[in-house]
C-alpha cells in the first residue's frame, strides 16, 4: 500500500502515546500512532470477517 502522508495536528493524551510507544516498542510518537491505527484497522477487519462467517453459519464447519 502506497503511503499517503499528510501532516496534521491532533490533541492527544501524552500518557497514552507513551503507553503505546512502550507496547509496540516504537521509536517515535508517529510510529506508535501508525502501529496503533494499523492494529485497530486489522482488528476491525477480522471482526467483520468473523461476523460474516457466523452469520453464514460456516464458522463451526470451518473450525471444528
N, C-alpha and C. Protein backbone atom coordinates (compact mmCIF):
# COMPACT_ATOMS: atom_id res chain seq x y z
N UNK A 1 0.84 -1.17 0.00
CA UNK A 1 0.00 0.00 0.00
C UNK A 1 0.89 1.24 0.00
N UNK A 2 0.63 2.14 -0.91
CA UNK A 2 1.43 3.36 -1.00
C UNK A 2 1.10 4.28 0.18
N UNK A 3 2.13 4.89 0.71
CA UNK A 3 1.93 5.78 1.85
C UNK A 3 1.33 7.10 1.38
N UNK A 4 0.30 7.51 2.04
CA UNK A 4 -0.33 8.79 1.77
C UNK A 4 -0.15 9.63 3.02
N UNK A 5 0.97 10.31 3.11
CA UNK A 5 1.33 11.02 4.32
C UNK A 5 0.87 12.47 4.25
N UNK A 6 0.13 12.86 5.29
CA UNK A 6 -0.32 14.24 5.41
C UNK A 6 0.06 14.72 6.80
N UNK A 7 0.54 15.93 6.87
CA UNK A 7 0.90 16.50 8.18
C UNK A 7 -0.37 17.08 8.81
N UNK A 8 -0.67 16.60 10.01
CA UNK A 8 -1.85 17.03 10.75
C UNK A 8 -1.45 17.34 12.18
N UNK A 9 -2.30 18.09 12.84
CA UNK A 9 -2.09 18.39 14.25
C UNK A 9 -3.30 17.88 15.02
N UNK A 10 -3.04 17.05 16.04
CA UNK A 10 -4.09 16.50 16.88
C UNK A 10 -3.72 16.71 18.34
N UNK A 11 -4.72 16.84 19.16
CA UNK A 11 -4.51 16.92 20.61
C UNK A 11 -4.73 15.52 21.17
N UNK A 12 -3.63 14.88 21.57
CA UNK A 12 -3.69 13.50 22.06
C UNK A 12 -3.11 13.43 23.47
N UNK A 13 -3.57 12.46 24.22
CA UNK A 13 -3.10 12.23 25.58
C UNK A 13 -1.66 11.73 25.53
N UNK A 14 -0.74 12.51 26.07
CA UNK A 14 0.67 12.16 26.07
C UNK A 14 0.97 10.87 26.81
N UNK A 15 0.25 10.63 27.88
CA UNK A 15 0.45 9.40 28.65
C UNK A 15 0.05 8.17 27.82
N UNK A 16 -1.03 8.32 27.08
CA UNK A 16 -1.49 7.22 26.24
C UNK A 16 -0.49 6.96 25.11
N UNK A 17 0.05 8.00 24.53
CA UNK A 17 1.05 7.84 23.47
C UNK A 17 2.27 7.12 24.04
N UNK A 18 2.68 7.48 25.24
CA UNK A 18 3.81 6.81 25.88
C UNK A 18 3.56 5.33 26.09
N UNK A 19 2.34 5.00 26.51
CA UNK A 19 1.99 3.58 26.71
C UNK A 19 2.03 2.83 25.39
N UNK A 20 1.52 3.45 24.34
CA UNK A 20 1.52 2.80 23.02
C UNK A 20 2.94 2.63 22.52
N UNK A 21 3.79 3.63 22.75
CA UNK A 21 5.20 3.52 22.33
C UNK A 21 5.88 2.33 22.99
N UNK A 22 5.63 2.16 24.29
CA UNK A 22 6.22 1.02 25.00
C UNK A 22 5.61 -0.28 24.53
N UNK A 23 4.31 -0.31 24.33
CA UNK A 23 3.61 -1.52 23.92
C UNK A 23 4.11 -2.03 22.58
N UNK A 24 4.30 -1.12 21.63
CA UNK A 24 4.73 -1.51 20.29
C UNK A 24 6.23 -1.32 20.07
N UNK A 25 6.94 -0.95 21.10
CA UNK A 25 8.38 -0.72 21.01
C UNK A 25 8.71 0.24 19.87
N UNK A 26 7.93 1.32 19.80
CA UNK A 26 8.09 2.32 18.74
C UNK A 26 9.13 3.36 19.16
N UNK A 27 9.88 3.82 18.18
CA UNK A 27 10.92 4.80 18.46
C UNK A 27 10.38 6.22 18.51
N UNK A 28 9.29 6.49 17.79
CA UNK A 28 8.73 7.84 17.74
C UNK A 28 7.23 7.80 18.02
N UNK A 29 6.69 8.96 18.34
CA UNK A 29 5.24 9.06 18.55
C UNK A 29 4.50 8.71 17.26
N UNK A 30 5.00 9.20 16.14
CA UNK A 30 4.36 8.93 14.85
C UNK A 30 4.31 7.44 14.56
N UNK A 31 5.41 6.75 14.81
CA UNK A 31 5.46 5.30 14.58
C UNK A 31 4.46 4.59 15.50
N UNK A 32 4.38 5.03 16.74
CA UNK A 32 3.45 4.42 17.69
C UNK A 32 2.00 4.62 17.24
N UNK A 33 1.67 5.81 16.81
CA UNK A 33 0.31 6.09 16.35
C UNK A 33 -0.02 5.28 15.11
N UNK A 34 0.92 5.19 14.16
CA UNK A 34 0.69 4.41 12.94
C UNK A 34 0.47 2.94 13.26
N UNK A 35 1.26 2.39 14.17
CA UNK A 35 1.10 0.98 14.53
C UNK A 35 -0.23 0.74 15.24
N UNK A 36 -0.62 1.66 16.12
CA UNK A 36 -1.89 1.52 16.82
C UNK A 36 -3.07 1.62 15.85
N UNK A 37 -2.99 2.52 14.90
CA UNK A 37 -4.06 2.65 13.91
C UNK A 37 -4.14 1.42 13.02
N UNK A 38 -2.99 0.89 12.61
CA UNK A 38 -2.97 -0.32 11.78
C UNK A 38 -3.59 -1.49 12.55
N UNK A 39 -3.26 -1.60 13.84
CA UNK A 39 -3.82 -2.67 14.68
C UNK A 39 -5.33 -2.53 14.79
N UNK A 40 -5.81 -1.31 14.97
CA UNK A 40 -7.25 -1.08 15.07
C UNK A 40 -7.96 -1.47 13.78
N UNK A 41 -7.37 -1.12 12.64
CA UNK A 41 -7.95 -1.47 11.33
C UNK A 41 -7.96 -2.98 11.15
N UNK A 42 -6.84 -3.63 11.44
CA UNK A 42 -6.75 -5.10 11.31
C UNK A 42 -7.77 -5.80 12.21
N UNK A 43 -7.90 -5.33 13.44
CA UNK A 43 -8.86 -5.93 14.37
C UNK A 43 -10.29 -5.82 13.86
N UNK A 44 -10.62 -4.65 13.31
CA UNK A 44 -11.97 -4.45 12.79
C UNK A 44 -12.24 -5.34 11.58
N UNK A 45 -11.24 -5.48 10.69
CA UNK A 45 -11.40 -6.35 9.52
C UNK A 45 -11.60 -7.81 9.94
N UNK A 46 -10.88 -8.25 10.96
CA UNK A 46 -11.04 -9.62 11.47
C UNK A 46 -12.43 -9.78 12.08
N UNK A 47 -12.86 -8.80 12.84
CA UNK A 47 -14.19 -8.84 13.47
C UNK A 47 -15.29 -8.95 12.42
N UNK A 48 -15.18 -8.16 11.36
CA UNK A 48 -16.18 -8.20 10.29
C UNK A 48 -16.16 -9.56 9.59
N UNK A 49 -14.99 -10.09 9.33
CA UNK A 49 -14.89 -11.39 8.66
C UNK A 49 -15.49 -12.50 9.53
N UNK A 50 -15.22 -12.48 10.82
CA UNK A 50 -15.78 -13.49 11.72
C UNK A 50 -17.29 -13.36 11.83
N UNK A 51 -17.79 -12.12 11.89
CA UNK A 51 -19.24 -11.92 11.92
C UNK A 51 -19.89 -12.46 10.66
N UNK A 52 -19.24 -12.27 9.52
CA UNK A 52 -19.76 -12.78 8.26
C UNK A 52 -19.82 -14.30 8.29
N UNK A 53 -18.78 -14.95 8.79
CA UNK A 53 -18.76 -16.40 8.90
C UNK A 53 -19.85 -16.90 9.84
N UNK A 54 -20.01 -16.22 10.96
CA UNK A 54 -21.03 -16.63 11.93
C UNK A 54 -22.44 -16.49 11.36
N UNK A 55 -22.69 -15.38 10.65
CA UNK A 55 -24.00 -15.18 10.05
C UNK A 55 -24.28 -16.21 8.96
N UNK A 56 -23.24 -16.62 8.25
CA UNK A 56 -23.41 -17.61 7.19
C UNK A 56 -23.52 -19.03 7.76
N UNK A 57 -23.25 -19.18 9.06
CA UNK A 57 -23.31 -20.48 9.69
C UNK A 57 -22.17 -21.38 9.33
N UNK A 58 -21.06 -20.81 8.86
CA UNK A 58 -19.93 -21.61 8.39
C UNK A 58 -18.79 -21.69 9.41
N UNK A 59 -18.86 -20.99 10.49
CA UNK A 59 -17.75 -20.97 11.44
C UNK A 59 -17.48 -22.34 12.02
N UNK A 60 -18.51 -23.04 12.44
CA UNK A 60 -18.33 -24.38 13.02
C UNK A 60 -17.76 -25.36 12.01
N UNK A 61 -18.24 -25.30 10.79
CA UNK A 61 -17.79 -26.22 9.73
C UNK A 61 -16.31 -26.00 9.43
N UNK A 62 -15.88 -24.76 9.39
CA UNK A 62 -14.50 -24.44 9.03
C UNK A 62 -13.53 -24.69 10.17
N UNK A 63 -13.96 -24.49 11.40
CA UNK A 63 -13.03 -24.52 12.52
C UNK A 63 -13.38 -25.55 13.57
N UNK A 64 -13.73 -26.72 13.17
CA UNK A 64 -14.05 -27.79 14.10
C UNK A 64 -12.85 -28.49 14.61
